[in-house]
Amino acid sequence: MTQSNTYADSMKMFMNPEYMTNAMKQMPDFTHLTEGFKKSAEAITSATQMAAESAQSIVRRSAEIVQAQITESFNAMKDLTATSNPEQAAARQQEFLKTSFENAMAGGKEIGEMTSKSAMEMFDLVGKNASSAMNQPMKTGSGKK
């Protein structure tokens, strides 16, 4: 057989409708694949939106906590300057420091919990999508007989 006959034979086989039909049945279903990519993109978009909303909430709450601390500090300074008794001033200062520390710890804990909850929600969303995508069998062919 010559090279041109081998090429001609290959083209005849390729142009055979039965060969093409069988070959198409063995090919992956790209529609299924693109649907999977679309679902993944939607999940990532949702997770990103969730992250942005959570970040806004965290920043907003952090600002509220800082504002409350500033107000408390300002009021404490007013009280300290209004007191002429040194023992009373020392007691108020000690109480202010204790309260400030407790409030700072509570605020830090609250922000940490908000951040942790947000991260877990995002991981759950992406994880559920990935699990769903991996549990779906890969389809081949067009499904038509």
N, C-alpha and C. Protein backbone atom coordinates (compact mmCIF):
# COMPACT_ATOMS: atom_id res chain seq x y z
N MET A 1 0.83 -1.18 0.00
CA MET A 1 0.00 0.00 0.00
C MET A 1 0.88 1.24 0.00
N THR A 2 0.49 2.22 -0.72
CA THR A 2 1.26 3.45 -0.75
C THR A 2 0.70 4.41 0.29
N GLN A 3 1.44 5.48 0.49
CA GLN A 3 1.05 6.49 1.48
C GLN A 3 -0.28 7.11 1.11
N SER A 4 -0.51 7.39 -0.15
CA SER A 4 -1.76 8.04 -0.57
C SER A 4 -2.95 7.11 -0.37
N ASN A 5 -2.77 5.79 -0.57
CA ASN A 5 -3.88 4.86 -0.33
C ASN A 5 -4.23 4.79 1.15
N THR A 6 -3.25 4.83 2.04
CA THR A 6 -3.50 4.80 3.48
C THR A 6 -4.28 6.05 3.89
N TYR A 7 -3.91 7.18 3.33
CA TYR A 7 -4.62 8.43 3.62
C TYR A 7 -6.04 8.35 3.09
N ALA A 8 -6.20 7.83 1.87
CA ALA A 8 -7.54 7.71 1.28
C ALA A 8 -8.40 6.75 2.09
N ASP A 9 -7.80 5.64 2.54
CA ASP A 9 -8.55 4.68 3.36
C ASP A 9 -8.98 5.31 4.69
N SER A 10 -8.09 6.08 5.29
CA SER A 10 -8.42 6.75 6.55
C SER A 10 -9.56 7.73 6.36
N MET A 11 -9.53 8.46 5.25
CA MET A 11 -10.59 9.44 4.98
C MET A 11 -11.92 8.73 4.73
N LYS A 12 -11.90 7.59 4.03
CA LYS A 12 -13.13 6.84 3.80
C LYS A 12 -13.72 6.37 5.14
N MET A 13 -12.85 5.87 6.03
CA MET A 13 -13.33 5.42 7.33
C MET A 13 -13.89 6.60 8.13
N PHE A 14 -13.20 7.74 8.10
CA PHE A 14 -13.63 8.92 8.84
C PHE A 14 -14.96 9.44 8.31
N MET A 15 -15.18 9.34 7.01
CA MET A 15 -16.41 9.85 6.39
C MET A 15 -17.57 8.87 6.52
N ASN A 16 -17.31 7.67 7.01
CA ASN A 16 -18.34 6.66 7.18
C ASN A 16 -19.29 7.11 8.31
N PRO A 17 -20.60 7.26 8.02
CA PRO A 17 -21.55 7.73 9.04
C PRO A 17 -21.60 6.83 10.28
N GLU A 18 -21.47 5.53 10.10
CA GLU A 18 -21.50 4.62 11.24
C GLU A 18 -20.29 4.85 12.15
N TYR A 19 -19.13 5.06 11.55
CA TYR A 19 -17.92 5.34 12.32
C TYR A 19 -18.08 6.65 13.10
N MET A 20 -18.61 7.66 12.45
CA MET A 20 -18.80 8.96 13.09
C MET A 20 -19.81 8.86 14.24
N THR A 21 -20.88 8.10 14.05
CA THR A 21 -21.90 7.93 15.08
C THR A 21 -21.29 7.25 16.31
N ASN A 22 -20.52 6.20 16.10
CA ASN A 22 -19.88 5.50 17.21
C ASN A 22 -18.86 6.39 17.91
N ALA A 23 -18.12 7.16 17.13
CA ALA A 23 -17.12 8.06 17.72
C ALA A 23 -17.80 9.13 18.56
N MET A 24 -18.92 9.66 18.11
CA MET A 24 -19.65 10.69 18.85
C MET A 24 -20.21 10.14 20.16
N LYS A 25 -20.60 8.89 20.15
CA LYS A 25 -21.13 8.28 21.38
C LYS A 25 -20.04 8.16 22.44
N GLN A 26 -18.79 8.05 22.04
CA GLN A 26 -17.69 7.89 22.97
C GLN A 26 -17.14 9.22 23.49
N MET A 27 -17.49 10.32 22.85
CA MET A 27 -16.97 11.63 23.26
C MET A 27 -17.69 12.12 24.51
N PRO A 28 -16.99 12.87 25.36
CA PRO A 28 -17.65 13.43 26.55
C PRO A 28 -18.75 14.40 26.15
N ASP A 29 -19.75 14.49 26.99
CA ASP A 29 -20.84 15.43 26.78
C ASP A 29 -20.39 16.80 27.28
N PHE A 30 -19.99 17.66 26.35
CA PHE A 30 -19.46 18.96 26.73
C PHE A 30 -20.53 19.87 27.31
N THR A 31 -21.80 19.61 27.02
CA THR A 31 -22.88 20.39 27.61
C THR A 31 -22.87 20.17 29.12
N HIS A 32 -22.70 18.93 29.53
CA HIS A 32 -22.64 18.60 30.96
C HIS A 32 -21.44 19.30 31.59
N LEU A 33 -20.32 19.30 30.89
CA LEU A 33 -19.10 19.93 31.41
C LEU A 33 -19.30 21.43 31.57
N THR A 34 -19.88 22.08 30.57
CA THR A 34 -20.09 23.52 30.66
C THR A 34 -21.11 23.86 31.74
N GLU A 35 -22.10 22.99 31.95
CA GLU A 35 -23.06 23.22 33.04
C GLU A 35 -22.35 23.16 34.38
N GLY A 36 -21.41 22.24 34.51
CA GLY A 36 -20.63 22.14 35.74
C GLY A 36 -19.80 23.40 35.98
N PHE A 37 -19.16 23.91 34.92
CA PHE A 37 -18.39 25.15 35.04
C PHE A 37 -19.29 26.32 35.41
N LYS A 38 -20.47 26.34 34.83
CA LYS A 38 -21.42 27.42 35.11
C LYS A 38 -21.84 27.37 36.58
N LYS A 39 -22.14 26.18 37.10
CA LYS A 39 -22.52 26.04 38.50
C LYS A 39 -21.37 26.45 39.42
N SER A 40 -20.16 26.08 39.05
CA SER A 40 -19.00 26.44 39.86
C SER A 40 -18.81 27.96 39.87
N ALA A 41 -18.96 28.58 38.71
CA ALA A 41 -18.82 30.03 38.63
C ALA A 41 -19.90 30.72 39.46
N GLU A 42 -21.12 30.19 39.43
CA GLU A 42 -22.19 30.77 40.24
C GLU A 42 -21.90 30.62 41.73
N ALA A 43 -21.36 29.48 42.13
CA ALA A 43 -21.02 29.26 43.54
C ALA A 43 -19.91 30.20 43.98
N ILE A 44 -18.91 30.38 43.12
CA ILE A 44 -17.81 31.29 43.45
C ILE A 44 -18.32 32.72 43.53
N THR A 45 -19.22 33.09 42.62
CA THR A 45 -19.81 34.42 42.65
C THR A 45 -20.59 34.62 43.94
N SER A 46 -21.37 33.63 44.33
CA SER A 46 -22.13 33.72 45.57
C SER A 46 -21.20 33.82 46.78
N ALA A 47 -20.14 33.03 46.78
CA ALA A 47 -19.19 33.07 47.89
C ALA A 47 -18.48 34.42 47.95
N THR A 48 -18.15 34.98 46.80
CA THR A 48 -17.50 36.29 46.75
C THR A 48 -18.45 37.37 47.27
N GLN A 49 -19.70 37.30 46.85
CA GLN A 49 -20.69 38.27 47.32
C GLN A 49 -20.88 38.12 48.84
N MET A 50 -20.93 36.88 49.30
CA MET A 50 -21.07 36.62 50.73
C MET A 50 -19.87 37.19 51.49
N ALA A 51 -18.67 37.03 50.93
CA ALA A 51 -17.46 37.54 51.57
C ALA A 51 -17.48 39.07 51.64
N ALA A 52 -17.94 39.71 50.56
CA ALA A 52 -18.00 41.17 50.55
C ALA A 52 -19.01 41.69 51.58
N GLU A 53 -20.16 41.04 51.65
CA GLU A 53 -21.17 41.45 52.62
C GLU A 53 -20.68 41.23 54.05
N SER A 54 -20.01 40.11 54.27
CA SER A 54 -19.46 39.81 55.60
C SER A 54 -18.38 40.83 55.97
N ALA A 55 -17.52 41.15 55.03
CA ALA A 55 -16.46 42.13 55.29
C ALA A 55 -17.07 43.48 55.66
N GLN A 56 -18.12 43.87 54.94
CA GLN A 56 -18.79 45.13 55.27
C GLN A 56 -19.37 45.10 56.68
N SER A 57 -20.01 44.00 57.04
CA SER A 57 -20.58 43.86 58.39
C SER A 57 -19.50 43.91 59.45
N ILE A 58 -18.39 43.23 59.19
CA ILE A 58 -17.29 43.19 60.15
C ILE A 58 -16.68 44.58 60.32
N VAL A 59 -16.47 45.27 59.22
CA VAL A 59 -15.90 46.63 59.30
C VAL A 59 -16.87 47.56 60.01
N ARG A 60 -18.15 47.45 59.69
CA ARG A 60 -19.17 48.29 60.32
C ARG A 60 -19.19 48.05 61.84
N ARG A 61 -19.19 46.78 62.25
CA ARG A 61 -19.23 46.46 63.68
C ARG A 61 -17.95 46.90 64.36
N SER A 62 -16.81 46.74 63.69
CA SER A 62 -15.53 47.19 64.26
C SER A 62 -15.56 48.70 64.50
N ALA A 63 -16.09 49.43 63.55
CA ALA A 63 -16.20 50.89 63.70
C ALA A 63 -17.12 51.25 64.87
N GLU A 64 -18.20 50.51 65.03
CA GLU A 64 -19.10 50.76 66.17
C GLU A 64 -18.39 50.51 67.50
N ILE A 65 -17.61 49.43 67.56
CA ILE A 65 -16.88 49.11 68.78
C ILE A 65 -15.85 50.19 69.10
N VAL A 66 -15.11 50.62 68.09
CA VAL A 66 -14.10 51.67 68.29
C VAL A 66 -14.77 52.97 68.71
N GLN A 67 -15.89 53.30 68.07
CA GLN A 67 -16.61 54.53 68.43
C GLN A 67 -17.08 54.48 69.89
N ALA A 68 -17.58 53.33 70.32
CA ALA A 68 -18.02 53.19 71.71
C ALA A 68 -16.84 53.34 72.67
N GLN A 69 -15.69 52.79 72.31
CA GLN A 69 -14.49 52.92 73.14
C GLN A 69 -14.04 54.38 73.23
N ILE A 70 -14.10 55.08 72.13
CA ILE A 70 -13.69 56.50 72.11
C ILE A 70 -14.64 57.32 72.99
N THR A 71 -15.93 57.06 72.87
CA THR A 71 -16.91 57.78 73.68
C THR A 71 -16.70 57.48 75.16
N GLU A 72 -16.47 56.22 75.46
CA GLU A 72 -16.22 55.83 76.85
C GLU A 72 -14.96 56.50 77.39
N SER A 73 -13.92 56.54 76.58
CA SER A 73 -12.66 57.18 77.00
C SER A 73 -12.87 58.67 77.23
N PHE A 74 -13.59 59.30 76.35
CA PHE A 74 -13.86 60.74 76.48
C PHE A 74 -14.63 61.01 77.78
N ASN A 75 -15.66 60.21 78.04
CA ASN A 75 -16.45 60.39 79.26
C ASN A 75 -15.61 60.13 80.52
N ALA A 76 -14.74 59.14 80.46
CA ALA A 76 -13.87 58.85 81.60
C ALA A 76 -12.91 60.01 81.86
N MET A 77 -12.37 60.58 80.81
CA MET A 77 -11.46 61.71 80.97
C MET A 77 -12.18 62.91 81.59
N LYS A 78 -13.43 63.12 81.17
CA LYS A 78 -14.21 64.21 81.76
C LYS A 78 -14.41 63.96 83.25
N ASP A 79 -14.74 62.73 83.61
CA ASP A 79 -14.94 62.39 85.02
C ASP A 79 -13.66 62.58 85.83
N LEU A 80 -12.54 62.13 85.26
CA LEU A 80 -11.27 62.23 85.98
C LEU A 80 -10.85 63.69 86.20
N THR A 81 -11.08 64.53 85.21
CA THR A 81 -10.69 65.94 85.37
C THR A 81 -11.65 66.68 86.30
N ALA A 82 -12.87 66.19 86.44
CA ALA A 82 -13.84 66.84 87.32
C ALA A 82 -13.63 66.46 88.79
N THR A 83 -12.91 65.40 89.04
CA THR A 83 -12.69 64.92 90.41
C THR A 83 -11.43 65.54 90.99
N SER A 84 -11.57 66.12 92.18
CA SER A 84 -10.40 66.72 92.83
C SER A 84 -9.77 65.77 93.85
N ASN A 85 -10.49 64.75 94.24
CA ASN A 85 -9.99 63.78 95.21
C ASN A 85 -9.11 62.76 94.49
N PRO A 86 -7.82 62.66 94.81
CA PRO A 86 -6.91 61.74 94.12
C PRO A 86 -7.30 60.27 94.29
N GLU A 87 -7.78 59.89 95.46
CA GLU A 87 -8.18 58.51 95.69
C GLU A 87 -9.37 58.14 94.81
N GLN A 88 -10.32 59.06 94.71
CA GLN A 88 -11.50 58.83 93.86
C GLN A 88 -11.08 58.75 92.39
N ALA A 89 -10.18 59.63 91.98
CA ALA A 89 -9.69 59.63 90.60
C ALA A 89 -8.98 58.32 90.29
N ALA A 90 -8.17 57.81 91.21
CA ALA A 90 -7.45 56.55 91.01
C ALA A 90 -8.43 55.39 90.89
N ALA A 91 -9.47 55.38 91.73
CA ALA A 91 -10.48 54.32 91.68
C ALA A 91 -11.24 54.36 90.36
N ARG A 92 -11.60 55.56 89.91
CA ARG A 92 -12.31 55.69 88.63
C ARG A 92 -11.41 55.27 87.46
N GLN A 93 -10.14 55.64 87.54
CA GLN A 93 -9.20 55.27 86.48
C GLN A 93 -9.04 53.75 86.41
N GLN A 94 -8.93 53.12 87.58
CA GLN A 94 -8.81 51.67 87.63
C GLN A 94 -10.06 51.00 87.06
N GLU A 95 -11.23 51.50 87.42
CA GLU A 95 -12.50 50.95 86.90
C GLU A 95 -12.59 51.16 85.38
N PHE A 96 -12.16 52.34 84.92
CA PHE A 96 -12.17 52.61 83.47
C PHE A 96 -11.25 51.64 82.73
N LEU A 97 -10.06 51.40 83.25
CA LEU A 97 -9.12 50.47 82.61
C LEU A 97 -9.68 49.06 82.57
N LYS A 98 -10.28 48.65 83.66
CA LYS A 98 -10.87 47.31 83.73
C LYS A 98 -12.00 47.18 82.71
N THR A 99 -12.89 48.15 82.67
CA THR A 99 -14.02 48.13 81.73
C THR A 99 -13.53 48.20 80.29
N SER A 100 -12.54 49.03 80.04
CA SER A 100 -11.99 49.15 78.68
C SER A 100 -11.40 47.82 78.20
N PHE A 101 -10.65 47.17 79.09
CA PHE A 101 -10.05 45.89 78.75
C PHE A 101 -11.13 44.85 78.46
N GLU A 102 -12.13 44.76 79.31
CA GLU A 102 -13.22 43.80 79.12
C GLU A 102 -13.97 44.07 77.81
N ASN A 103 -14.23 45.34 77.54
CA ASN A 103 -14.93 45.69 76.30
C ASN A 103 -14.09 45.38 75.06
N ALA A 104 -12.79 45.62 75.16
CA ALA A 104 -11.90 45.32 74.03
C ALA A 104 -11.86 43.82 73.77
N MET A 105 -11.80 43.03 74.84
CA MET A 105 -11.79 41.57 74.69
C MET A 105 -13.11 41.08 74.11
N ALA A 106 -14.21 41.61 74.59
CA ALA A 106 -15.53 41.20 74.08
C ALA A 106 -15.68 41.59 72.62
N GLY A 107 -15.21 42.79 72.27
CA GLY A 107 -15.29 43.23 70.88
C GLY A 107 -14.43 42.38 69.97
N GLY A 108 -13.22 42.05 70.43
CA GLY A 108 -12.34 41.18 69.64
C GLY A 108 -12.94 39.80 69.44
N LYS A 109 -13.54 39.28 70.49
CA LYS A 109 -14.18 37.97 70.41
C LYS A 109 -15.35 38.01 69.42
N GLU A 110 -16.15 39.07 69.50
CA GLU A 110 -17.29 39.21 68.59
C GLU A 110 -16.83 39.28 67.13
N ILE A 111 -15.82 40.07 66.86
CA ILE A 111 -15.29 40.20 65.49
C ILE A 111 -14.72 38.87 65.03
N GLY A 112 -14.01 38.17 65.92
CA GLY A 112 -13.47 36.85 65.57
C GLY A 112 -14.57 35.85 65.24
N GLU A 113 -15.64 35.86 66.02
CA GLU A 113 -16.77 34.96 65.76
C GLU A 113 -17.45 35.30 64.44
N MET A 114 -17.60 36.59 64.17
CA MET A 114 -18.22 37.00 62.89
C MET A 114 -17.37 36.52 61.71
N THR A 115 -16.06 36.68 61.84
CA THR A 115 -15.14 36.28 60.77
C THR A 115 -15.18 34.76 60.58
N SER A 116 -15.14 34.03 61.67
CA SER A 116 -15.16 32.57 61.61
C SER A 116 -16.47 32.07 60.99
N LYS A 117 -17.58 32.63 61.42
CA LYS A 117 -18.89 32.23 60.89
C LYS A 117 -18.96 32.50 59.39
N SER A 118 -18.49 33.66 58.99
CA SER A 118 -18.50 34.02 57.57
C SER A 118 -17.66 33.05 56.75
N ALA A 119 -16.47 32.74 57.24
CA ALA A 119 -15.58 31.81 56.52
C ALA A 119 -16.22 30.43 56.40
N MET A 120 -16.83 29.95 57.47
CA MET A 120 -17.46 28.62 57.45
C MET A 120 -18.63 28.60 56.46
N GLU A 121 -19.41 29.66 56.41
CA GLU A 121 -20.52 29.72 55.46
C GLU A 121 -20.02 29.68 54.03
N MET A 122 -18.94 30.40 53.75
CA MET A 122 -18.38 30.39 52.40
C MET A 122 -17.83 29.02 52.04
N PHE A 123 -17.10 28.40 52.96
CA PHE A 123 -16.56 27.06 52.70
C PHE A 123 -17.68 26.05 52.51
N ASP A 124 -18.75 26.16 53.28
CA ASP A 124 -19.89 25.25 53.13
C ASP A 124 -20.51 25.41 51.74
N LEU A 125 -20.69 26.65 51.31
CA LEU A 125 -21.29 26.91 50.00
C LEU A 125 -20.44 26.32 48.88
N VAL A 126 -19.16 26.61 48.89
CA VAL A 126 -18.27 26.11 47.84
C VAL A 126 -18.13 24.59 47.94
N GLY A 127 -18.05 24.07 49.16
CA GLY A 127 -17.92 22.63 49.37
C GLY A 127 -19.14 21.86 48.87
N LYS A 128 -20.32 22.38 49.13
CA LYS A 128 -21.54 21.72 48.66
C LYS A 128 -21.57 21.68 47.14
N ASN A 129 -21.16 22.77 46.51
CA ASN A 129 -21.12 22.82 45.05
C ASN A 129 -20.12 21.82 44.50
N ALA A 130 -18.93 21.78 45.10
CA ALA A 130 -17.90 20.85 44.62
C ALA A 130 -18.34 19.41 44.82
N SER A 131 -18.94 19.12 45.96
CA SER A 131 -19.41 17.77 46.24
C SER A 131 -20.49 17.36 45.26
N SER A 132 -21.40 18.26 44.98
CA SER A 132 -22.47 17.99 44.03
C SER A 132 -21.91 17.72 42.63
N ALA A 133 -20.93 18.52 42.24
CA ALA A 133 -20.34 18.36 40.91
C ALA A 133 -19.58 17.03 40.81
N MET A 134 -18.92 16.63 41.87
CA MET A 134 -18.14 15.39 41.82
C MET A 134 -19.02 14.15 41.90
N ASN A 135 -20.21 14.28 42.44
CA ASN A 135 -21.11 13.13 42.56
C ASN A 135 -21.91 12.87 41.29
N GLN A 136 -21.87 13.80 40.34
CA GLN A 136 -22.59 13.60 39.09
C GLN A 136 -21.71 12.83 38.13
N PRO A 137 -22.25 11.75 37.55
CA PRO A 137 -21.43 10.95 36.61
C PRO A 137 -21.18 11.72 35.32
N MET A 138 -20.03 11.46 34.72
CA MET A 138 -19.68 12.07 33.45
C MET A 138 -20.46 11.37 32.35
N LYS A 139 -21.18 12.13 31.56
CA LYS A 139 -21.98 11.57 30.48
C LYS A 139 -21.16 11.54 29.20
N THR A 140 -21.43 10.53 28.37
CA THR A 140 -20.78 10.46 27.07
C THR A 140 -21.86 10.41 26.01
N GLY A 141 -21.52 10.91 24.86
CA GLY A 141 -22.45 10.87 23.73
C GLY A 141 -23.59 11.85 23.90
N SER A 142 -24.44 11.89 22.91
CA SER A 142 -25.55 12.82 22.92
C SER A 142 -26.75 12.26 23.63
N GLY A 143 -26.72 11.01 23.96
CA GLY A 143 -27.86 10.39 24.63
C GLY A 143 -28.94 9.94 23.66
N LYS A 144 -28.76 10.22 22.38
CA LYS A 144 -29.74 9.85 21.35
C LYS A 144 -29.35 8.51 20.74
N LYS A 145 -30.33 7.73 20.42
CA LYS A 145 -30.04 6.42 19.78
C LYS A 145 -30.50 6.40 18.36
